[in-house]
Amino acid sequence: DIEVIQTPKHVLEGRDPQLEKSVEEALRLLKIEEFQIKPEPAAPVRWKRPEGYQNSNN
């Protein structure tokens, strides 16, 4: 956890100190820690039922 002081002045100015600190920390970690982009998974198999298909469970 990172302690962030959030004053009414910052909020009235439209700032979000917690968000700003979290983005700053994320960017810092990206610089020092190695990461790999994982490959995109295969697309799901999609199909249509043939014309005239009727469900036998009804």
N, C-alpha and C. Protein backbone atom coordinates (compact mmCIF):
# COMPACT_ATOMS: atom_id res chain seq x y z
N ASP A 1 0.83 -1.19 0.00
CA ASP A 1 0.00 0.00 0.00
C ASP A 1 0.87 1.25 0.00
N ILE A 2 0.41 2.23 -0.70
CA ILE A 2 1.12 3.50 -0.75
C ILE A 2 0.18 4.56 -0.18
N GLU A 3 0.67 5.28 0.80
CA GLU A 3 -0.14 6.32 1.42
C GLU A 3 -0.12 7.57 0.55
N VAL A 4 -1.29 8.10 0.27
CA VAL A 4 -1.42 9.30 -0.54
C VAL A 4 -2.32 10.27 0.20
N ILE A 5 -1.86 11.49 0.34
CA ILE A 5 -2.67 12.51 1.01
C ILE A 5 -3.54 13.18 -0.04
N GLN A 6 -4.83 13.16 0.22
CA GLN A 6 -5.80 13.74 -0.71
C GLN A 6 -6.48 14.90 0.01
N THR A 7 -6.18 16.09 -0.44
CA THR A 7 -6.75 17.27 0.20
C THR A 7 -7.95 17.78 -0.59
N PRO A 8 -8.85 18.49 0.07
CA PRO A 8 -9.98 19.07 -0.65
C PRO A 8 -9.53 19.99 -1.79
N LYS A 9 -8.40 20.65 -1.61
CA LYS A 9 -7.89 21.55 -2.65
C LYS A 9 -7.63 20.78 -3.94
N HIS A 10 -6.98 19.62 -3.83
CA HIS A 10 -6.70 18.81 -5.02
C HIS A 10 -7.98 18.37 -5.70
N VAL A 11 -8.95 17.95 -4.90
CA VAL A 11 -10.21 17.47 -5.46
C VAL A 11 -10.95 18.61 -6.17
N LEU A 12 -10.96 19.78 -5.55
CA LEU A 12 -11.62 20.93 -6.16
C LEU A 12 -10.94 21.36 -7.46
N GLU A 13 -9.64 21.10 -7.57
CA GLU A 13 -8.91 21.41 -8.80
C GLU A 13 -9.14 20.35 -9.88
N GLY A 14 -9.89 19.30 -9.52
CA GLY A 14 -10.17 18.24 -10.49
C GLY A 14 -9.08 17.19 -10.57
N ARG A 15 -8.18 17.18 -9.59
CA ARG A 15 -7.09 16.21 -9.59
C ARG A 15 -7.48 15.00 -8.75
N ASP A 16 -6.82 13.90 -8.98
CA ASP A 16 -7.02 12.68 -8.22
C ASP A 16 -5.65 12.17 -7.78
N PRO A 17 -5.19 12.58 -6.60
CA PRO A 17 -3.85 12.21 -6.16
C PRO A 17 -3.62 10.70 -6.09
N GLN A 18 -4.65 9.93 -5.73
CA GLN A 18 -4.48 8.47 -5.66
C GLN A 18 -4.24 7.90 -7.05
N LEU A 19 -5.00 8.36 -8.03
CA LEU A 19 -4.81 7.88 -9.40
C LEU A 19 -3.46 8.31 -9.95
N GLU A 20 -3.09 9.55 -9.70
CA GLU A 20 -1.80 10.06 -10.18
C GLU A 20 -0.64 9.24 -9.61
N LYS A 21 -0.71 8.92 -8.32
CA LYS A 21 0.36 8.15 -7.67
C LYS A 21 0.39 6.72 -8.21
N SER A 22 -0.79 6.14 -8.44
CA SER A 22 -0.82 4.77 -8.95
C SER A 22 -0.25 4.68 -10.36
N VAL A 23 -0.54 5.66 -11.20
CA VAL A 23 0.02 5.69 -12.56
C VAL A 23 1.53 5.88 -12.49
N GLU A 24 1.97 6.77 -11.61
CA GLU A 24 3.41 7.00 -11.43
C GLU A 24 4.11 5.72 -10.99
N GLU A 25 3.51 4.99 -10.06
CA GLU A 25 4.09 3.74 -9.57
C GLU A 25 4.09 2.67 -10.67
N ALA A 26 3.02 2.58 -11.44
CA ALA A 26 2.95 1.60 -12.52
C ALA A 26 4.03 1.87 -13.57
N LEU A 27 4.23 3.12 -13.92
CA LEU A 27 5.26 3.47 -14.89
C LEU A 27 6.65 3.18 -14.35
N ARG A 28 6.85 3.41 -13.06
CA ARG A 28 8.14 3.12 -12.43
C ARG A 28 8.42 1.61 -12.48
N LEU A 29 7.41 0.81 -12.17
CA LEU A 29 7.59 -0.64 -12.19
C LEU A 29 7.84 -1.16 -13.60
N LEU A 30 7.21 -0.56 -14.60
CA LEU A 30 7.44 -0.99 -15.98
C LEU A 30 8.88 -0.76 -16.40
N LYS A 31 9.51 0.28 -15.84
CA LYS A 31 10.90 0.57 -16.19
C LYS A 31 11.87 -0.43 -15.58
N ILE A 32 11.56 -0.94 -14.37
CA ILE A 32 12.54 -1.77 -13.66
C ILE A 32 12.25 -3.26 -13.74
N GLU A 33 11.03 -3.66 -14.06
CA GLU A 33 10.69 -5.08 -14.10
C GLU A 33 10.43 -5.52 -15.53
N GLU A 34 10.96 -6.70 -15.85
CA GLU A 34 10.79 -7.23 -17.20
C GLU A 34 9.37 -7.78 -17.36
N PHE A 35 8.81 -7.58 -18.51
CA PHE A 35 7.49 -8.14 -18.79
C PHE A 35 7.46 -8.59 -20.24
N GLN A 36 6.59 -9.54 -20.50
CA GLN A 36 6.43 -10.04 -21.86
C GLN A 36 4.96 -9.97 -22.23
N ILE A 37 4.70 -9.54 -23.43
CA ILE A 37 3.33 -9.51 -23.92
C ILE A 37 2.97 -10.92 -24.37
N LYS A 38 1.91 -11.45 -23.82
CA LYS A 38 1.50 -12.80 -24.16
C LYS A 38 0.77 -12.78 -25.50
N PRO A 39 0.90 -13.87 -26.27
CA PRO A 39 0.20 -13.91 -27.56
C PRO A 39 -1.31 -13.94 -27.36
N GLU A 40 -2.00 -13.39 -28.33
CA GLU A 40 -3.46 -13.35 -28.26
C GLU A 40 -4.01 -14.76 -28.42
N PRO A 41 -4.97 -15.15 -27.59
CA PRO A 41 -5.52 -16.50 -27.72
C PRO A 41 -6.28 -16.66 -29.04
N ALA A 42 -6.43 -17.90 -29.44
CA ALA A 42 -7.15 -18.19 -30.68
C ALA A 42 -8.61 -17.75 -30.54
N ALA A 43 -9.18 -17.34 -31.65
CA ALA A 43 -10.58 -16.92 -31.64
C ALA A 43 -11.48 -18.12 -31.35
N PRO A 44 -12.59 -17.90 -30.67
CA PRO A 44 -13.50 -19.02 -30.40
C PRO A 44 -14.13 -19.54 -31.69
N VAL A 45 -14.48 -20.80 -31.68
CA VAL A 45 -15.14 -21.40 -32.84
C VAL A 45 -16.60 -20.97 -32.81
N ARG A 46 -17.04 -20.34 -33.86
CA ARG A 46 -18.43 -19.88 -33.95
C ARG A 46 -19.06 -20.52 -35.18
N TRP A 47 -20.30 -20.92 -35.05
CA TRP A 47 -21.00 -21.52 -36.17
C TRP A 47 -22.48 -21.22 -36.03
N LYS A 48 -23.15 -21.30 -37.16
CA LYS A 48 -24.59 -21.10 -37.19
C LYS A 48 -25.27 -22.45 -37.39
N ARG A 49 -26.44 -22.56 -36.83
CA ARG A 49 -27.23 -23.76 -37.08
C ARG A 49 -27.76 -23.70 -38.51
N PRO A 50 -27.85 -24.83 -39.16
CA PRO A 50 -28.35 -24.82 -40.54
C PRO A 50 -29.81 -24.39 -40.60
N GLU A 51 -30.21 -23.88 -41.76
CA GLU A 51 -31.60 -23.48 -41.98
C GLU A 51 -32.51 -24.67 -41.69
N GLY A 52 -33.62 -24.40 -41.02
CA GLY A 52 -34.59 -25.45 -40.73
C GLY A 52 -34.26 -26.29 -39.52
N TYR A 53 -33.19 -25.98 -38.81
CA TYR A 53 -32.81 -26.74 -37.62
C TYR A 53 -33.89 -26.60 -36.56
N GLN A 54 -34.27 -27.72 -35.95
CA GLN A 54 -35.23 -27.69 -34.85
C GLN A 54 -34.63 -28.46 -33.69
N ASN A 55 -34.73 -27.89 -32.52
CA ASN A 55 -34.21 -28.53 -31.32
C ASN A 55 -35.14 -29.68 -30.93
N SER A 56 -34.62 -30.87 -30.78
CA SER A 56 -35.45 -32.04 -30.45
C SER A 56 -35.81 -32.08 -28.97
N ASN A 57 -35.28 -31.19 -28.16
CA ASN A 57 -35.58 -31.18 -26.73
C ASN A 57 -36.88 -30.46 -26.41
N ASN A 58 -37.49 -29.81 -27.36
CA ASN A 58 -38.72 -29.05 -27.09
C ASN A 58 -39.95 -29.90 -27.22
